[in-house]
Amino acid sequence: MNREPPETLDRAQRRAERDDAVFGGALALLTAICIAMRLDGATPDVSWLISMCERIHDGEVAYVDIFETTPPVPTLLYMPGVVLSRWLPVGAEAGVYASALASVFFSLWLSARILPERLDGVMPSRWTVLFPAAAFLLVIANDAFAQREHFAAAFAMPMVAVFVRHAQRGAQQAAWPPVSLRAWAALLAGLSVAVKPPLFAAPGIALALYYLIRLRTIRFIYSSGLLAAGAVGVLVTIASLVAFPAYLGGVTALMRDVYVPVRLPLASALNHAFWGVAAVFMFAAILRRSGKATAAAPFLTASLGYIGVYLVQGKFMAYHLIPAGLFGLIALAVLLWERGAPMTGRRGPSAATLIHAIVAVGVSAIMYAGFEDYRPRMKDLRWAQDLDRPTAMSITPYIDGAFPLARQINAQWVDRIHSQWVANYTRYALDNLDLSKAQAAVARRYHAADIERTRRVILERRPDIIIQTASPRMQWLHDAVVETSPSPLDAYDIVAEEGVYRIWRRRDVAATRAHAE
């Protein structure tokens, strides 16, 4: 029976209400900052997947008329935003950002329902877990906002919260959350796995191994909902492949022959995002060894699992680290609060607390800088002023060059893929990897096929404009496309050059517009 005097209970209630109000205000501020950061438009991958969903919505066949290595589930993450843009007077990017925000808020709300009110009896879970999670997903993620990995990180958070609650209440009868909350957490975790199967099962496996070693029983797999999450991931993946069977055709062969084997050297992993995530993880791991915060362990375990996924993929793109950064930062916040709370009093925070806080802000800033996409941007668009919904395609090895620019000028993309990435990957493999004769023959076949396909699209579809990445390092692609006679670009003139961009415009389009004027 609670024997605290009424005035103490009232004071605690007022303090809780005040904390809720401050937390709500902080969350509103983070949301406003997030929305302001989105005004610069969508990043290349998000732009392409939005366009893919638009074309599917308009009747084109996925993985036939429009091509993408991404499996159906992560592709369709963007469909609700596209559908929303068709119902309301908003752009597709705004609709997708709204759906991403909704995913973040639902994950935070569900995690708040699952987590105990206080961690280790001292730390308020809203400030210790939910605030750093919101700061990461809304602001620190920067240009990785609404990437597939961003959705996956948000979806995985409630399941990790389930394990945190059990770690806090392991000896109590209500160690696991109510069944309804575990069901929602398992559903979201299954969707997270389906975003990148089977790789995103690794954090769940890491949690299972950690608990198996800790409890020496497998009953937690059923009780936590972890097994149900795995089943949801498998079933959703299978259902999506049944709905889009074309993915199992040429796409899986391309993934097997080109995408998966081409791995960057390990040194490429050492980007700003990696240094930031690694620093967060190592700082948290060091504090964990000398601390007692049991809530940090599940977050650290999940972060380690996602770091392993990043290294296994071998592509070392910064946004692949989003889930690892999220859970690493939460673990660090838990451990810093554990150390800092006893060191604060009427005289204010101690020197050690301030040093820890400065280090945490520093590593967060490194991650923020790492999640900048650094894509080139073309500022002078006068060449497109007289074009109304021009048809367009690209001659570029990367998605970050042409496709966001095409959406910016409201162009209709005539190609089924955003760039000649297949030719780029195979060229890299032939020049840098130790391929067998059979592997080299396969790479040369894919390379030649992609170049020939590009020529054919230009000649048959006759796009109004062609966006080329014209840096000296990428000149090989232009030379490969035009080496035949007549050249596919014989009917085009260069109308603009800025930075790495070169814009080709079909000559008869320019003549028709000039005559009309």
Protein backbone atom coordinates (compact mmCIF):
# COMPACT_ATOMS: atom_id res chain seq x y z
CA MET A 1 0.00 0.00 0.00
CA ASN A 2 1.30 3.44 -0.94
CA ARG A 3 1.69 5.44 2.33
CA GLU A 4 3.12 8.65 0.84
CA PRO A 5 1.38 11.80 2.09
CA PRO A 6 -1.10 13.38 -0.35
CA GLU A 7 1.03 16.49 -0.81
CA THR A 8 3.96 14.35 -1.99
CA LEU A 9 1.76 12.56 -4.52
CA ASP A 10 0.38 15.89 -5.74
CA ARG A 11 3.85 17.30 -6.11
CA ALA A 12 4.97 14.24 -8.07
CA GLN A 13 1.93 14.50 -10.30
CA ARG A 14 2.57 18.18 -10.97
CA ARG A 15 6.19 17.41 -11.78
CA ALA A 16 5.11 14.66 -14.18
CA GLU A 17 2.64 16.99 -15.90
CA ARG A 18 5.32 19.67 -16.18
CA ASP A 19 7.77 17.16 -17.66
CA ASP A 20 5.14 15.99 -20.16
CA ALA A 21 4.50 19.57 -21.24
CA VAL A 22 8.21 20.28 -21.68
CA PHE A 23 8.71 17.03 -23.56
CA GLY A 24 5.78 17.83 -25.84
CA GLY A 25 7.21 21.27 -26.55
CA ALA A 26 10.63 19.80 -27.31
CA LEU A 27 9.04 17.28 -29.67
CA ALA A 28 7.12 20.06 -31.43
CA LEU A 29 10.36 22.02 -31.87
CA LEU A 30 12.15 18.98 -33.33
CA THR A 31 9.24 18.43 -35.71
CA ALA A 32 9.37 22.05 -36.88
CA ILE A 33 13.11 21.77 -37.51
CA CYS A 34 12.55 18.50 -39.39
CA ILE A 35 9.90 20.06 -41.66
CA ALA A 36 12.16 23.05 -42.38
CA MET A 37 14.97 20.67 -43.37
CA ARG A 38 12.66 18.91 -45.84
CA LEU A 39 12.01 22.08 -47.88
CA ASP A 40 15.08 21.35 -50.03
CA GLY A 41 13.32 18.42 -51.70
CA ALA A 42 13.71 14.67 -51.51
CA THR A 43 17.02 12.85 -51.70
CA PRO A 44 17.80 10.80 -54.84
CA ASP A 45 16.69 7.36 -53.64
CA VAL A 46 13.51 8.72 -52.11
CA SER A 47 12.78 10.69 -55.31
CA TRP A 48 13.16 7.59 -57.45
CA LEU A 49 10.99 5.37 -55.25
CA ILE A 50 8.31 8.07 -55.14
CA SER A 51 8.34 8.12 -58.93
CA MET A 52 8.23 4.34 -59.04
CA CYS A 53 5.12 4.31 -56.84
CA GLU A 54 3.53 7.02 -59.00
CA ARG A 55 4.10 4.96 -62.13
CA ILE A 56 2.78 1.79 -60.46
CA HIS A 57 -0.25 3.76 -59.32
CA ASP A 58 -0.76 4.90 -62.93
CA GLY A 59 -0.77 1.33 -64.24
CA GLU A 60 2.84 0.50 -65.11
CA VAL A 61 4.16 -2.93 -64.12
CA ALA A 62 6.73 -2.89 -61.35
CA TYR A 63 10.09 -4.50 -62.23
CA VAL A 64 9.05 -4.60 -65.90
CA ASP A 65 8.12 -1.08 -67.02
CA ILE A 66 10.08 0.46 -64.16
CA PHE A 67 13.08 -1.27 -62.65
CA GLU A 68 14.60 -1.22 -59.16
CA THR A 69 16.78 -3.58 -57.16
CA THR A 70 14.82 -2.78 -54.00
CA PRO A 71 12.31 -5.55 -53.11
CA PRO A 72 8.57 -4.76 -53.20
CA VAL A 73 8.03 -4.07 -49.48
CA PRO A 74 10.43 -1.11 -49.12
CA THR A 75 9.30 0.20 -52.49
CA LEU A 76 5.68 0.24 -51.36
CA LEU A 77 6.55 2.17 -48.19
CA TYR A 78 6.16 5.26 -50.37
CA MET A 79 2.79 4.34 -51.85
CA PRO A 80 0.69 5.81 -48.97
CA GLY A 81 2.36 9.18 -49.48
CA VAL A 82 1.77 9.02 -53.23
CA VAL A 83 -1.89 8.09 -52.73
CA LEU A 84 -2.24 10.92 -50.21
CA SER A 85 -0.88 13.36 -52.79
CA ARG A 86 -3.57 12.22 -55.25
CA TRP A 87 -6.33 12.83 -52.68
CA LEU A 88 -5.06 16.17 -51.35
CA PRO A 89 -3.51 19.21 -53.04
CA VAL A 90 0.03 18.33 -51.91
CA GLY A 91 3.07 17.07 -53.75
CA ALA A 92 4.14 13.44 -53.59
CA GLU A 93 7.25 14.36 -51.60
CA ALA A 94 5.10 16.13 -49.00
CA GLY A 95 2.83 13.09 -48.80
CA VAL A 96 5.80 10.77 -48.26
CA TYR A 97 7.28 13.04 -45.60
CA ALA A 98 3.89 13.08 -43.86
CA SER A 99 3.82 9.26 -43.83
CA ALA A 100 7.41 9.15 -42.53
CA LEU A 101 6.52 11.56 -39.73
CA ALA A 102 3.45 9.48 -38.90
CA SER A 103 5.67 6.36 -38.69
CA VAL A 104 8.09 8.12 -36.33
CA PHE A 105 5.32 9.46 -34.09
CA PHE A 106 3.53 6.10 -33.91
CA SER A 107 6.80 4.36 -33.04
CA LEU A 108 7.52 6.90 -30.30
CA TRP A 109 3.98 6.62 -28.93
CA LEU A 110 4.04 2.81 -28.91
CA SER A 111 7.51 2.76 -27.35
CA ALA A 112 6.28 5.15 -24.63
CA ARG A 113 3.42 2.75 -23.87
CA ILE A 114 5.83 -0.19 -23.66
CA LEU A 115 8.71 1.33 -21.70
CA PRO A 116 8.51 1.57 -17.92
CA GLU A 117 7.99 5.09 -16.63
CA ARG A 118 11.47 5.15 -15.16
CA LEU A 119 14.57 3.18 -16.11
CA ASP A 120 16.58 1.60 -13.31
CA GLY A 121 14.25 3.40 -10.91
CA VAL A 122 15.94 6.74 -11.62
CA MET A 123 15.84 7.80 -15.26
CA PRO A 124 12.58 9.05 -16.85
CA SER A 125 12.12 7.01 -20.00
CA ARG A 126 10.59 9.87 -21.96
CA TRP A 127 13.70 12.01 -21.65
CA THR A 128 16.25 9.22 -21.55
CA VAL A 129 14.94 7.17 -24.49
CA LEU A 130 12.23 8.98 -26.40
CA PHE A 131 13.86 12.40 -26.66
CA PRO A 132 17.18 11.17 -28.17
CA ALA A 133 15.18 8.84 -30.44
CA ALA A 134 13.07 11.76 -31.65
CA ALA A 135 16.14 13.98 -32.04
CA PHE A 136 17.85 11.32 -34.14
CA LEU A 137 14.90 10.33 -36.35
CA LEU A 138 13.70 13.89 -36.94
CA VAL A 139 16.91 15.95 -37.09
CA ILE A 140 20.20 14.04 -36.81
CA ALA A 141 19.15 11.67 -39.62
CA ASN A 142 19.39 14.74 -41.84
CA ASP A 143 19.16 13.82 -45.54
CA ALA A 144 18.51 10.16 -44.70
CA PHE A 145 15.02 11.09 -43.50
CA ALA A 146 12.38 8.87 -45.19
CA GLN A 147 14.99 6.49 -46.56
CA ARG A 148 14.04 2.82 -46.32
CA GLU A 149 16.47 2.38 -43.43
CA HIS A 150 14.86 5.33 -41.67
CA PHE A 151 11.47 3.61 -41.76
CA ALA A 152 13.09 0.34 -40.66
CA ALA A 153 14.75 1.99 -37.65
CA ALA A 154 11.48 3.53 -36.49
CA PHE A 155 9.64 0.23 -36.97
CA ALA A 156 12.24 -1.72 -34.94
CA MET A 157 12.24 0.58 -31.91
CA PRO A 158 9.11 -0.75 -30.11
CA MET A 159 10.42 -4.33 -30.18
CA VAL A 160 13.69 -3.23 -28.57
CA ALA A 161 11.58 -1.36 -26.01
CA VAL A 162 9.88 -4.68 -25.19
CA PHE A 163 13.25 -6.14 -24.18
CA VAL A 164 14.14 -3.01 -22.22
CA ARG A 165 10.95 -3.33 -20.20
CA HIS A 166 11.70 -6.98 -19.47
CA ALA A 167 15.27 -6.13 -18.47
CA GLN A 168 13.86 -3.62 -15.98
CA ARG A 169 11.12 -5.87 -14.58
CA GLY A 170 12.57 -9.32 -15.01
CA ALA A 171 11.60 -10.49 -11.54
CA GLN A 172 8.08 -9.08 -11.64
CA GLN A 173 4.94 -10.76 -12.86
CA ALA A 174 4.33 -8.09 -15.54
CA ALA A 175 7.84 -8.29 -16.96
CA TRP A 176 6.57 -8.37 -20.53
CA PRO A 177 4.18 -5.68 -21.80
CA PRO A 178 0.51 -6.52 -22.42
CA VAL A 179 -0.17 -8.84 -25.34
CA SER A 180 -1.70 -6.06 -27.45
CA LEU A 181 1.44 -3.93 -27.19
CA ARG A 182 3.68 -6.89 -27.97
CA ALA A 183 1.51 -7.67 -30.99
CA TRP A 184 1.95 -4.15 -32.37
CA ALA A 185 5.68 -4.25 -31.66
CA ALA A 186 5.99 -7.62 -33.43
CA LEU A 187 4.05 -6.34 -36.45
CA LEU A 188 6.29 -3.29 -36.82
CA ALA A 189 9.45 -5.33 -36.25
CA GLY A 190 8.32 -7.76 -38.96
CA LEU A 191 7.87 -4.85 -41.35
CA SER A 192 11.36 -3.68 -40.41
CA VAL A 193 12.78 -7.08 -41.34
CA ALA A 194 10.86 -7.02 -44.63
CA VAL A 195 12.46 -3.70 -45.57
CA LYS A 196 15.74 -5.51 -46.20
CA PRO A 197 15.33 -9.28 -45.86
CA PRO A 198 17.06 -11.26 -44.50
CA LEU A 199 19.72 -8.78 -43.37
CA PHE A 200 17.48 -6.80 -41.04
CA ALA A 201 16.75 -9.95 -39.07
CA ALA A 202 20.30 -9.68 -37.71
CA PRO A 203 19.49 -7.26 -34.84
CA GLY A 204 16.66 -9.56 -33.70
CA ILE A 205 19.04 -12.51 -33.82
CA ALA A 206 21.60 -10.48 -31.83
CA LEU A 207 18.98 -9.72 -29.17
CA ALA A 208 17.98 -13.38 -29.07
CA LEU A 209 21.59 -14.49 -28.57
CA TYR A 210 22.11 -11.89 -25.85
CA TYR A 211 19.01 -13.08 -23.98
CA LEU A 212 19.85 -16.74 -24.55
CA ILE A 213 23.22 -16.22 -22.88
CA ARG A 214 21.66 -14.14 -20.11
CA LEU A 215 18.61 -16.29 -19.31
CA ARG A 216 19.73 -19.70 -20.65
CA THR A 217 16.23 -20.42 -21.93
CA ILE A 218 14.44 -19.87 -25.23
CA ARG A 219 11.00 -19.13 -23.77
CA PHE A 220 11.58 -15.40 -24.26
CA ILE A 221 11.46 -15.90 -28.05
CA TYR A 222 7.73 -16.62 -27.77
CA SER A 223 6.94 -14.35 -24.82
CA SER A 224 8.60 -11.25 -26.26
CA GLY A 225 6.98 -11.54 -29.67
CA LEU A 226 10.36 -11.92 -31.38
CA LEU A 227 9.33 -15.15 -33.11
CA ALA A 228 6.08 -13.53 -34.23
CA ALA A 229 8.08 -10.61 -35.65
CA GLY A 230 10.20 -13.02 -37.68
CA ALA A 231 7.08 -14.76 -38.96
CA VAL A 232 5.54 -11.42 -39.96
CA GLY A 233 8.72 -10.49 -41.82
CA VAL A 234 8.73 -13.78 -43.74
CA LEU A 235 5.01 -13.68 -44.55
CA VAL A 236 5.04 -10.04 -45.68
CA THR A 237 8.08 -10.69 -47.88
CA ILE A 238 6.50 -13.77 -49.46
CA ALA A 239 3.18 -11.96 -50.02
CA SER A 240 4.96 -9.04 -51.69
CA LEU A 241 6.87 -11.35 -54.02
CA VAL A 242 3.64 -13.14 -54.93
CA ALA A 243 2.05 -9.77 -55.69
CA PHE A 244 5.11 -8.67 -57.74
CA PRO A 245 6.48 -11.89 -59.27
CA ALA A 246 8.59 -10.01 -61.81
CA TYR A 247 11.07 -9.26 -59.03
CA LEU A 248 12.00 -12.94 -58.95
CA GLY A 249 12.94 -12.81 -62.63
CA GLY A 250 15.59 -10.49 -63.96
CA VAL A 251 16.04 -8.50 -60.77
CA THR A 252 17.19 -11.39 -58.62
CA ALA A 253 19.58 -12.49 -61.37
CA LEU A 254 20.97 -8.97 -61.57
CA MET A 255 21.34 -8.82 -57.79
CA ARG A 256 23.15 -12.17 -57.79
CA ASP A 257 25.45 -11.40 -60.72
CA VAL A 258 26.16 -7.68 -60.28
CA TYR A 259 24.89 -5.90 -57.16
CA VAL A 260 25.86 -8.32 -54.39
CA PRO A 261 29.37 -9.30 -55.65
CA VAL A 262 30.54 -5.71 -56.13
CA ARG A 263 31.87 -4.62 -52.74
CA LEU A 264 33.80 -1.46 -51.96
CA PRO A 265 37.09 -1.73 -50.05
CA LEU A 266 36.70 -1.60 -46.28
CA ALA A 267 38.40 1.80 -46.21
CA SER A 268 35.30 3.22 -47.89
CA ALA A 269 33.35 2.43 -44.73
CA LEU A 270 35.20 5.16 -42.90
CA ASN A 271 32.86 7.99 -43.82
CA HIS A 272 31.60 10.66 -41.41
CA ALA A 273 28.46 8.70 -40.59
CA PHE A 274 30.50 5.60 -39.75
CA TRP A 275 32.89 7.55 -37.52
CA GLY A 276 29.93 9.13 -35.75
CA VAL A 277 28.11 5.84 -35.19
CA ALA A 278 31.33 4.06 -34.18
CA ALA A 279 32.19 6.83 -31.72
CA VAL A 280 28.70 6.71 -30.19
CA PHE A 281 28.85 2.93 -29.89
CA MET A 282 32.36 2.82 -28.42
CA PHE A 283 31.64 5.64 -25.95
CA ALA A 284 28.47 3.86 -24.83
CA ALA A 285 30.25 0.49 -24.60
CA ILE A 286 32.96 2.00 -22.40
CA LEU A 287 30.39 3.59 -20.08
CA ARG A 288 28.41 0.33 -19.99
CA ARG A 289 31.40 -1.61 -18.66
CA SER A 290 31.62 0.64 -15.62
CA GLY A 291 27.90 1.39 -15.26
CA LYS A 292 24.84 -0.45 -14.03
CA ALA A 293 22.14 0.73 -16.45
CA THR A 294 20.50 -2.51 -17.60
CA ALA A 295 18.31 -0.59 -20.09
CA ALA A 296 21.35 0.23 -22.24
CA ALA A 297 22.16 -3.40 -23.09
CA PRO A 298 19.27 -4.10 -25.53
CA PHE A 299 19.90 -0.82 -27.36
CA LEU A 300 23.63 -1.53 -27.63
CA THR A 301 22.92 -5.05 -28.87
CA ALA A 302 20.56 -3.79 -31.58
CA SER A 303 23.09 -1.14 -32.63
CA LEU A 304 25.83 -3.76 -32.92
CA GLY A 305 23.56 -5.94 -35.06
CA TYR A 306 22.90 -3.08 -37.48
CA ILE A 307 26.60 -2.19 -37.65
CA GLY A 308 27.24 -5.79 -38.70
CA VAL A 309 24.55 -5.48 -41.40
CA TYR A 310 26.24 -2.33 -42.71
CA LEU A 311 29.61 -4.06 -42.99
CA VAL A 312 28.16 -7.22 -44.54
CA GLN A 313 26.46 -5.27 -47.34
CA GLY A 314 29.79 -3.82 -48.44
CA LYS A 315 28.29 -0.77 -50.16
CA PHE A 316 29.07 1.63 -47.28
CA MET A 317 26.41 4.20 -48.05
CA ALA A 318 25.90 6.48 -45.07
CA TYR A 319 22.14 6.04 -44.83
CA HIS A 320 22.62 2.29 -44.30
CA LEU A 321 23.81 3.23 -40.80
CA ILE A 322 20.58 4.94 -39.72
CA PRO A 323 19.31 2.09 -37.46
CA ALA A 324 22.75 1.57 -35.91
CA GLY A 325 23.01 5.28 -35.14
CA LEU A 326 19.53 5.41 -33.59
CA PHE A 327 20.03 2.61 -31.09
CA GLY A 328 23.63 3.57 -30.34
CA LEU A 329 22.58 7.11 -29.46
CA ILE A 330 19.74 5.90 -27.22
CA ALA A 331 22.15 3.57 -25.37
CA LEU A 332 24.56 6.45 -24.90
CA ALA A 333 21.78 8.71 -23.58
CA VAL A 334 20.72 6.04 -21.05
CA LEU A 335 24.27 5.64 -19.77
CA LEU A 336 24.97 9.37 -19.66
CA TRP A 337 21.80 9.99 -17.67
CA GLU A 338 22.74 7.24 -15.24
CA ARG A 339 26.10 8.89 -14.65
CA GLY A 340 24.94 12.47 -14.79
CA ALA A 341 21.83 12.37 -12.61
CA PRO A 342 23.67 11.63 -9.31
CA MET A 343 26.27 14.27 -10.15
CA THR A 344 23.76 17.09 -10.38
CA GLY A 345 22.31 18.95 -7.45
CA ARG A 346 21.62 22.39 -6.17
CA ARG A 347 25.00 23.60 -7.38
CA GLY A 348 24.29 22.43 -10.93
CA PRO A 349 25.91 19.73 -13.04
CA SER A 350 29.39 18.51 -12.24
CA ALA A 351 32.38 18.91 -14.55
CA ALA A 352 32.19 15.22 -15.48
CA THR A 353 28.55 15.60 -16.48
CA LEU A 354 29.36 18.58 -18.70
CA ILE A 355 32.26 16.73 -20.35
CA HIS A 356 30.06 13.73 -21.08
CA ALA A 357 27.36 16.01 -22.54
CA ILE A 358 29.89 17.80 -24.76
CA VAL A 359 31.20 14.48 -26.08
CA ALA A 360 27.64 13.29 -26.78
CA VAL A 361 26.84 16.48 -28.72
CA GLY A 362 30.12 16.13 -30.62
CA VAL A 363 29.54 12.58 -31.81
CA SER A 364 25.94 13.47 -32.68
CA ALA A 365 27.24 16.35 -34.81
CA ILE A 366 29.57 13.95 -36.63
CA MET A 367 26.62 11.70 -37.43
CA TYR A 368 24.55 14.68 -38.56
CA ALA A 369 27.31 15.71 -40.98
CA GLY A 370 27.67 12.12 -42.14
CA PHE A 371 24.01 11.83 -43.11
CA GLU A 372 24.28 14.80 -45.50
CA ASP A 373 23.87 13.41 -49.04
CA TYR A 374 26.39 15.84 -50.64
CA ARG A 375 24.70 15.40 -54.00
CA PRO A 376 25.44 17.95 -56.74
CA ARG A 377 22.75 20.52 -57.43
CA MET A 378 22.10 22.61 -60.53
CA LYS A 379 20.98 26.14 -59.67
CA ASP A 380 20.59 27.81 -63.06
CA LEU A 381 17.46 26.28 -64.60
CA ARG A 382 16.74 28.90 -67.26
CA TRP A 383 17.24 26.29 -69.96
CA ALA A 384 14.08 24.53 -68.70
CA GLN A 385 11.81 27.58 -68.46
CA ASP A 386 10.06 27.00 -71.80
CA LEU A 387 9.66 23.25 -71.32
CA ASP A 388 6.30 21.90 -70.18
CA ARG A 389 6.56 18.36 -68.77
CA PRO A 390 9.54 17.44 -70.98
CA THR A 391 10.49 13.80 -71.42
CA ALA A 392 13.88 13.02 -69.92
CA MET A 393 16.50 10.36 -69.21
CA SER A 394 20.10 10.29 -68.07
CA ILE A 395 23.62 9.31 -69.00
CA THR A 396 25.12 8.97 -65.55
CA PRO A 397 26.52 6.19 -63.36
CA TYR A 398 24.73 7.42 -60.24
CA ILE A 399 21.19 8.20 -59.17
CA ASP A 400 22.25 11.36 -57.35
CA GLY A 401 23.00 13.26 -60.56
CA ALA A 402 20.04 13.28 -62.87
CA PHE A 403 16.91 12.03 -61.23
CA PRO A 404 16.23 14.63 -58.52
CA LEU A 405 16.87 17.31 -61.16
CA ALA A 406 14.29 15.71 -63.46
CA ARG A 407 11.67 15.87 -60.72
CA GLN A 408 12.64 19.45 -59.97
CA ILE A 409 11.74 20.53 -63.54
CA ASN A 410 8.64 18.28 -63.58
CA ALA A 411 10.01 16.00 -66.31
CA GLN A 412 8.51 12.70 -67.45
CA TRP A 413 11.11 9.97 -67.12
CA VAL A 414 11.16 7.74 -70.21
CA ASP A 415 13.70 5.18 -69.01
CA ARG A 416 12.81 2.31 -66.72
CA ILE A 417 15.87 2.94 -64.52
CA HIS A 418 17.40 6.09 -63.07
CA SER A 419 21.00 5.67 -64.29
CA GLN A 420 23.53 3.34 -65.91
CA TRP A 421 24.54 1.91 -62.55
CA VAL A 422 24.87 -1.61 -63.99
CA ALA A 423 27.53 -0.44 -66.46
CA ASN A 424 29.24 1.42 -63.60
CA TYR A 425 29.23 -1.55 -61.21
CA THR A 426 30.50 -3.98 -63.81
CA ARG A 427 33.23 -1.59 -64.95
CA TYR A 428 34.36 -1.24 -61.34
CA ALA A 429 34.35 -5.02 -60.92
CA LEU A 430 36.38 -5.59 -64.09
CA ASP A 431 38.93 -2.94 -63.15
CA ASN A 432 39.28 -3.57 -59.41
CA LEU A 433 38.11 -7.03 -58.40
CA ASP A 434 39.86 -10.35 -58.82
CA LEU A 435 37.26 -12.03 -61.04
CA SER A 436 37.44 -15.51 -62.47
CA LYS A 437 37.12 -15.90 -66.25
CA ALA A 438 33.48 -16.87 -65.89
CA GLN A 439 32.73 -13.91 -63.60
CA ALA A 440 34.54 -11.51 -65.93
CA ALA A 441 32.53 -12.81 -68.88
CA VAL A 442 29.29 -12.23 -66.99
CA ALA A 443 30.39 -8.70 -66.02
CA ARG A 444 31.31 -7.84 -69.62
CA ARG A 445 27.95 -9.15 -70.83
CA TYR A 446 26.00 -7.02 -68.37
CA HIS A 447 28.18 -4.00 -69.13
CA ALA A 448 27.65 -4.24 -72.88
CA ALA A 449 23.92 -4.87 -72.45
CA ASP A 450 23.45 -1.75 -70.30
CA ILE A 451 25.31 0.47 -72.79
CA GLU A 452 23.31 -0.95 -75.70
CA ARG A 453 20.06 -0.56 -73.79
CA THR A 454 20.88 3.12 -73.19
CA ARG A 455 21.52 3.73 -76.90
CA ARG A 456 18.27 2.00 -77.79
CA VAL A 457 16.20 4.04 -75.32
CA ILE A 458 17.60 7.31 -76.71
CA LEU A 459 16.92 6.32 -80.31
CA GLU A 460 13.48 4.83 -79.72
CA ARG A 461 12.03 7.07 -77.00
CA ARG A 462 13.69 10.29 -78.23
CA PRO A 463 13.57 12.15 -74.88
CA ASP A 464 13.36 15.94 -75.00
CA ILE A 465 16.35 16.29 -72.69
CA ILE A 466 19.21 14.08 -71.54
CA ILE A 467 20.96 14.84 -68.25
CA GLN A 468 24.62 13.80 -68.25
CA THR A 469 27.18 13.60 -65.47
CA ALA A 470 30.05 15.27 -67.28
CA SER A 471 32.95 15.08 -64.83
CA PRO A 472 36.23 13.83 -66.36
CA ARG A 473 36.07 10.70 -64.20
CA MET A 474 32.70 9.79 -65.75
CA GLN A 475 33.57 10.62 -69.36
CA TRP A 476 33.96 6.92 -70.11
CA LEU A 477 30.19 6.41 -69.97
CA HIS A 478 29.46 9.15 -72.52
CA ASP A 479 32.20 7.77 -74.80
CA ALA A 480 30.78 4.24 -74.55
CA VAL A 481 27.25 5.41 -75.44
CA VAL A 482 28.28 7.48 -78.48
CA GLU A 483 30.99 5.21 -79.90
CA THR A 484 28.65 3.83 -82.57
CA SER A 485 27.86 5.66 -85.80
CA PRO A 486 25.49 7.39 -86.08
CA SER A 487 25.74 8.56 -82.48
CA PRO A 488 22.53 8.53 -80.40
CA LEU A 489 23.33 12.15 -79.49
CA ASP A 490 23.59 13.40 -83.08
CA ALA A 491 20.09 14.88 -82.79
CA TYR A 492 20.94 16.76 -79.56
CA ASP A 493 22.68 20.00 -78.64
CA ILE A 494 24.27 20.99 -75.34
CA VAL A 495 22.12 23.79 -73.88
CA ALA A 496 23.52 24.07 -70.34
CA GLU A 497 26.54 23.08 -68.26
CA GLU A 498 26.99 23.67 -64.55
CA GLY A 499 29.20 21.78 -62.16
CA VAL A 500 29.00 18.10 -63.06
CA TYR A 501 25.82 18.59 -65.10
CA ARG A 502 25.59 18.75 -68.86
CA ILE A 503 22.12 19.13 -70.40
CA TRP A 504 21.43 17.83 -73.93
CA ARG A 505 18.27 19.01 -75.64
CA ARG A 506 16.78 17.44 -78.75
CA ARG A 507 17.29 19.81 -81.66
CA ASP A 508 13.80 19.63 -83.12
CA VAL A 509 12.30 20.41 -79.69
CA ALA A 510 14.35 23.60 -79.51
CA ALA A 511 13.41 24.54 -83.09
CA THR A 512 9.70 23.93 -82.48
CA ARG A 513 9.67 26.08 -79.35
CA ALA A 514 11.59 28.90 -81.09
CA HIS A 515 9.16 28.86 -84.03
CA ALA A 516 6.18 28.98 -81.68
CA GLU A 517 7.60 32.03 -79.93
